[in-house]
């Protein structure tokens, strides 16, 4: 006997919320910063909605973790390890797997044309898949670049067991534990960031492009040189290559352009090697 499939939305979305989901599906690239924040709030709102599937009830969050992350994440991570052109090949693989996710949802009886609110589950899964894929592609880009630059560090191995779920992505002797993030939105979840440094991307409004930056604690910046200037994160790109200092939840952080940080870190490490 076929078990009933249905979706229960725990908190009805406003017309504005529904509109931002449609806009995301239609053209995510053109979303403004304010719209991205609105989208994140709507996705978070949907996380506790439920889907009755395969004889069990799953929250959207658990459904994604079980059927999408559990099926597609590891093959994706394994394949990007062998890619030469990460950004182009990785983006193509991300899109190909997104199409597989859509096909699987439809074949599993969760087609938006057949099940009420299945469109919400679809956009929820695609949002988190895109977030996952972009995040790990960026992480792999940085890891490869650091290795090619001969920076000394240790990184977790994302294709092995629970290594992917370690609290931090890499460790640099003398710098502490670090994380690699594709965007600043992690600050919404971690108002007091626990790592010693973060490598991430920041959108430069003036140049209309993403720039690679590093957040690190002042004590570690002092080790590798620099006199930071007080500024906001939004103003930082206009001050680069000079580092800036800002506060998050009352705690000071240095923000430096990635290439400047890497150059000074490498020079500091090389000086340490020569002193041994």
Protein backbone atom coordinates (compact mmCIF):
# COMPACT_ATOMS: atom_id res chain seq x y z
CA UNK A 1 0.00 0.00 0.00
CA UNK A 2 1.35 3.45 -0.96
CA UNK A 3 1.89 5.63 2.07
CA UNK A 4 0.45 9.12 1.96
CA UNK A 5 2.85 11.95 1.17
CA UNK A 6 1.97 15.43 2.39
CA UNK A 7 3.61 18.60 3.67
CA UNK A 8 2.59 20.67 6.68
CA UNK A 9 3.86 24.25 6.84
CA UNK A 10 4.25 25.15 10.50
CA UNK A 11 4.22 28.91 9.96
CA UNK A 12 2.48 30.39 6.94
CA UNK A 13 4.67 32.62 4.84
CA UNK A 14 3.71 36.18 4.03
CA UNK A 15 3.21 37.29 0.44
CA UNK A 16 6.57 39.04 0.71
CA UNK A 17 8.22 35.83 1.86
CA UNK A 18 6.69 33.84 -1.01
CA UNK A 19 7.81 36.53 -3.45
CA UNK A 20 11.43 36.39 -2.31
CA UNK A 21 11.46 32.59 -2.75
CA UNK A 22 10.17 32.98 -6.32
CA UNK A 23 12.74 35.69 -7.01
CA UNK A 24 15.51 33.43 -5.70
CA UNK A 25 14.49 30.59 -8.02
CA UNK A 26 14.14 32.90 -11.00
CA UNK A 27 17.40 34.87 -10.67
CA UNK A 28 19.46 34.43 -7.51
CA UNK A 29 22.39 36.40 -8.93
CA UNK A 30 20.44 39.66 -8.94
CA UNK A 31 19.29 39.50 -5.32
CA UNK A 32 20.37 42.51 -3.28
CA UNK A 33 22.06 42.20 0.12
CA UNK A 34 18.76 43.07 1.83
CA UNK A 35 16.93 40.43 -0.22
CA UNK A 36 19.53 37.78 0.68
CA UNK A 37 18.95 38.52 4.35
CA UNK A 38 15.21 38.31 3.82
CA UNK A 39 15.65 35.01 1.99
CA UNK A 40 17.71 33.55 4.83
CA UNK A 41 14.99 34.50 7.30
CA UNK A 42 12.33 32.78 5.18
CA UNK A 43 14.45 29.63 4.79
CA UNK A 44 15.01 29.56 8.54
CA UNK A 45 11.25 29.93 9.04
CA UNK A 46 10.65 26.89 6.82
CA UNK A 47 13.15 24.64 8.61
CA UNK A 48 10.58 23.31 11.11
CA UNK A 49 7.86 22.64 8.55
CA UNK A 50 7.25 18.92 8.10
CA UNK A 51 6.96 16.42 5.27
CA UNK A 52 5.31 13.04 5.70
CA UNK A 53 7.46 10.79 3.51
CA UNK A 54 8.15 7.06 3.35
CA UNK A 55 6.00 6.44 6.40
CA UNK A 56 7.82 8.96 8.62
CA UNK A 57 7.61 12.62 9.45
CA UNK A 58 10.64 14.80 8.82
CA UNK A 59 11.20 18.47 9.43
CA UNK A 60 12.48 20.19 6.31
CA UNK A 61 15.85 20.42 8.05
CA UNK A 62 15.98 16.68 8.76
CA UNK A 63 14.63 15.79 5.33
CA UNK A 64 17.44 17.75 3.66
CA UNK A 65 20.09 16.22 5.94
CA UNK A 66 18.82 12.68 5.35
CA UNK A 67 17.94 12.56 1.67
CA UNK A 68 19.85 15.40 0.00
CA UNK A 69 22.99 15.87 2.06
CA UNK A 70 23.15 12.15 2.79
CA UNK A 71 22.97 11.23 -0.90
CA UNK A 72 24.72 13.97 -2.88
CA UNK A 73 27.26 15.65 -0.59
CA UNK A 74 30.04 13.05 -0.48
CA UNK A 75 30.05 12.30 -4.24
CA UNK A 76 30.24 16.05 -4.89
CA UNK A 77 33.16 16.49 -2.49
CA UNK A 78 35.03 13.54 -3.98
CA UNK A 79 34.62 14.79 -7.53
CA UNK A 80 35.80 18.34 -6.85
CA UNK A 81 39.04 16.95 -5.41
CA UNK A 82 40.09 15.88 -8.90
CA UNK A 83 39.03 19.00 -10.81
CA UNK A 84 41.59 21.25 -12.44
CA UNK A 85 39.24 24.19 -13.06
CA UNK A 86 37.38 24.32 -9.78
CA UNK A 87 35.23 27.37 -10.36
CA UNK A 88 33.91 26.39 -13.80
CA UNK A 89 33.83 22.61 -13.41
CA UNK A 90 32.59 22.86 -9.82
CA UNK A 91 29.76 25.20 -10.72
CA UNK A 92 28.72 22.87 -13.54
CA UNK A 93 28.72 19.89 -11.16
CA UNK A 94 26.73 21.87 -8.59
CA UNK A 95 24.08 22.63 -11.22
CA UNK A 96 24.01 19.05 -12.52
CA UNK A 97 23.43 17.68 -9.04
CA UNK A 98 20.76 20.30 -8.38
CA UNK A 99 18.90 18.96 -11.43
CA UNK A 100 19.25 15.44 -10.03
CA UNK A 101 17.78 16.65 -6.73
CA UNK A 102 14.77 18.12 -8.54
CA UNK A 103 14.30 14.90 -10.53
CA UNK A 104 14.50 12.77 -7.39
CA UNK A 105 11.96 14.94 -5.53
CA UNK A 106 9.50 14.67 -8.42
CA UNK A 107 10.00 10.93 -8.85
CA UNK A 108 9.50 10.45 -5.10
CA UNK A 109 6.01 11.97 -5.24
CA UNK A 110 7.02 15.46 -4.15
CA UNK A 111 6.27 17.33 -7.36
CA UNK A 112 4.99 20.88 -6.79
CA UNK A 113 2.16 20.19 -9.26
CA UNK A 114 0.96 17.22 -7.19
CA UNK A 115 1.61 17.99 -3.52
CA UNK A 116 0.58 21.19 -1.76
CA UNK A 117 3.60 23.18 -0.52
CA UNK A 118 6.06 20.89 -2.36
CA UNK A 119 7.39 24.04 -4.04
CA UNK A 120 8.53 25.26 -0.61
CA UNK A 121 10.38 22.01 0.07
CA UNK A 122 11.97 22.25 -3.37
CA UNK A 123 13.34 25.75 -2.88
CA UNK A 124 14.46 24.85 0.66
CA UNK A 125 16.51 21.92 -0.65
CA UNK A 126 17.95 23.87 -3.57
CA UNK A 127 18.92 26.79 -1.32
CA UNK A 128 20.86 24.59 1.08
CA UNK A 129 22.41 22.57 -1.73
CA UNK A 130 23.71 25.76 -3.39
CA UNK A 131 24.98 27.05 -0.04
CA UNK A 132 26.77 23.75 0.64
CA UNK A 133 28.32 23.48 -2.83
CA UNK A 134 29.50 27.09 -3.04
CA UNK A 135 30.97 26.89 0.44
CA UNK A 136 33.04 23.78 -0.23
CA UNK A 137 34.13 24.97 -3.66
CA UNK A 138 35.45 28.17 -2.09
CA UNK A 139 37.13 26.17 0.67
CA UNK A 140 38.87 23.98 -1.90
CA UNK A 141 40.02 27.04 -3.87
CA UNK A 142 41.63 28.50 -0.74
CA UNK A 143 43.19 25.22 0.40
CA UNK A 144 44.77 24.70 -3.01
CA UNK A 145 46.03 28.26 -3.15
CA UNK A 146 47.62 28.06 0.31
CA UNK A 147 49.35 24.81 -0.62
CA UNK A 148 50.59 26.25 -3.92
CA UNK A 149 51.93 29.29 -2.02
CA UNK A 150 53.85 27.01 0.37
CA UNK A 151 52.02 28.25 3.45
CA UNK A 152 52.40 25.78 6.35
CA UNK A 153 49.02 24.60 7.67
CA UNK A 154 46.91 21.55 8.46
CA UNK A 155 43.41 21.15 7.05
CA UNK A 156 40.55 18.74 7.70
CA UNK A 157 39.87 16.11 5.03
CA UNK A 158 36.25 16.61 3.98
CA UNK A 159 35.86 13.27 2.20
CA UNK A 160 36.75 11.17 5.27
CA UNK A 161 34.06 10.22 7.78
CA UNK A 162 33.38 12.94 10.33
CA UNK A 163 36.32 15.10 9.21
CA UNK A 164 33.88 17.28 7.29
CA UNK A 165 32.07 18.19 10.49
CA UNK A 166 35.07 19.38 12.50
CA UNK A 167 34.52 22.77 14.14
CA UNK A 168 37.37 24.39 12.21
CA UNK A 169 38.68 23.90 8.68
CA UNK A 170 42.39 24.48 9.17
CA UNK A 171 45.12 25.20 11.69
CA UNK A 172 48.21 27.39 11.30
CA UNK A 173 50.91 27.15 13.94
CA UNK A 174 51.12 30.45 15.79
CA UNK A 175 47.86 31.68 14.24
CA UNK A 176 45.47 29.21 15.81
CA UNK A 177 42.33 27.62 14.36
CA UNK A 178 40.72 28.97 11.21
CA UNK A 179 37.55 28.62 9.15
CA UNK A 180 36.84 29.22 5.47
CA UNK A 181 33.47 30.80 4.71
CA UNK A 182 31.95 31.72 1.36
CA UNK A 183 30.17 34.76 2.80
CA UNK A 184 29.73 36.91 5.90
CA UNK A 185 26.33 35.41 6.70
CA UNK A 186 27.84 33.01 9.21
CA UNK A 187 28.00 36.01 11.55
CA UNK A 188 24.20 35.83 11.79
CA UNK A 189 24.58 32.38 13.38
CA UNK A 190 27.75 33.09 15.36
CA UNK A 191 27.56 36.60 16.84
CA UNK A 192 30.78 35.79 18.73
CA UNK A 193 32.90 33.92 16.13
CA UNK A 194 34.89 31.12 17.86
CA UNK A 195 37.81 30.73 15.40
CA UNK A 196 41.06 32.69 15.55
CA UNK A 197 40.81 33.70 11.90
CA UNK A 198 38.37 33.46 8.99
CA UNK A 199 39.07 33.44 5.26
CA UNK A 200 36.00 34.58 3.34
CA UNK A 201 34.52 36.60 0.50
CA UNK A 202 33.24 40.17 0.72
CA UNK A 203 31.27 41.96 -1.98
CA UNK A 204 32.97 45.19 -3.02
CA UNK A 205 30.18 47.66 -3.85
CA UNK A 206 32.53 50.01 -5.69
CA UNK A 207 34.11 47.41 -7.97
CA UNK A 208 30.97 45.22 -8.08
CA UNK A 209 32.86 42.02 -7.43
CA UNK A 210 33.70 39.56 -4.67
CA UNK A 211 37.01 40.02 -2.89
CA UNK A 212 38.81 37.50 -0.72
CA UNK A 213 39.47 38.76 2.80
CA UNK A 214 40.68 37.51 6.16
CA UNK A 215 39.34 38.23 9.64
CA UNK A 216 41.91 37.61 12.36
CA UNK A 217 42.54 38.60 15.94
CA UNK A 218 44.72 41.69 16.52
CA UNK A 219 47.35 39.69 18.43
CA UNK A 220 47.93 37.52 15.37
CA UNK A 221 48.10 40.46 12.99
CA UNK A 222 50.76 42.02 15.20
CA UNK A 223 52.82 38.87 14.65
CA UNK A 224 52.87 39.31 10.88
CA UNK A 225 52.96 43.15 10.74
CA UNK A 226 50.59 45.98 9.95
CA UNK A 227 48.96 49.11 11.35
CA UNK A 228 45.20 48.72 10.91
CA UNK A 229 42.77 51.59 10.37
CA UNK A 230 39.41 51.69 12.14
CA UNK A 231 36.52 51.23 9.70
CA UNK A 232 33.31 49.30 9.02
CA UNK A 233 33.25 46.06 7.06
CA UNK A 234 31.39 47.83 4.25
CA UNK A 235 34.16 50.43 3.95
CA UNK A 236 37.02 47.95 4.17
CA UNK A 237 37.47 47.34 0.40
CA UNK A 238 38.03 51.05 -0.23
CA UNK A 239 40.85 51.06 2.34
CA UNK A 240 42.60 47.88 1.15
CA UNK A 241 45.46 47.00 0.85
CA UNK A 242 45.77 48.64 4.29
CA UNK A 243 44.16 46.43 6.95
CA UNK A 244 41.22 47.72 8.97
CA UNK A 245 40.06 47.06 12.51
CA UNK A 246 36.41 46.60 13.46
CA UNK A 247 34.34 45.28 16.35
CA UNK A 248 31.93 42.34 16.38
CA UNK A 249 29.98 41.97 19.64
CA UNK A 250 32.54 44.20 21.32
CA UNK A 251 35.50 42.08 20.17
CA UNK A 252 38.13 43.56 17.88
CA UNK A 253 39.01 41.87 14.60
CA UNK A 254 41.50 42.80 11.92
CA UNK A 255 40.22 42.62 8.32
CA UNK A 256 42.88 42.28 5.64
CA UNK A 257 42.87 41.52 1.94
CA UNK A 258 43.56 37.80 1.51
CA UNK A 259 46.64 38.27 -0.69
CA UNK A 260 48.16 40.76 1.76
CA UNK A 261 47.52 38.43 4.70
CA UNK A 262 48.95 35.45 2.81
CA UNK A 263 52.07 37.35 1.74
CA UNK A 264 52.84 38.53 5.26
CA UNK A 265 51.99 35.17 6.80
CA UNK A 266 54.33 33.39 4.39
CA UNK A 267 57.11 35.88 5.10
CA UNK A 268 56.58 35.40 8.86
CA UNK A 269 56.68 31.61 8.49
CA UNK A 270 59.83 31.76 6.38
CA UNK A 271 61.54 33.94 8.96
CA UNK A 272 60.61 31.42 11.61
CA UNK A 273 62.03 28.59 9.53
CA UNK A 274 65.31 30.45 9.03
CA UNK A 275 65.67 31.01 12.79
CA UNK A 276 65.52 27.30 13.53
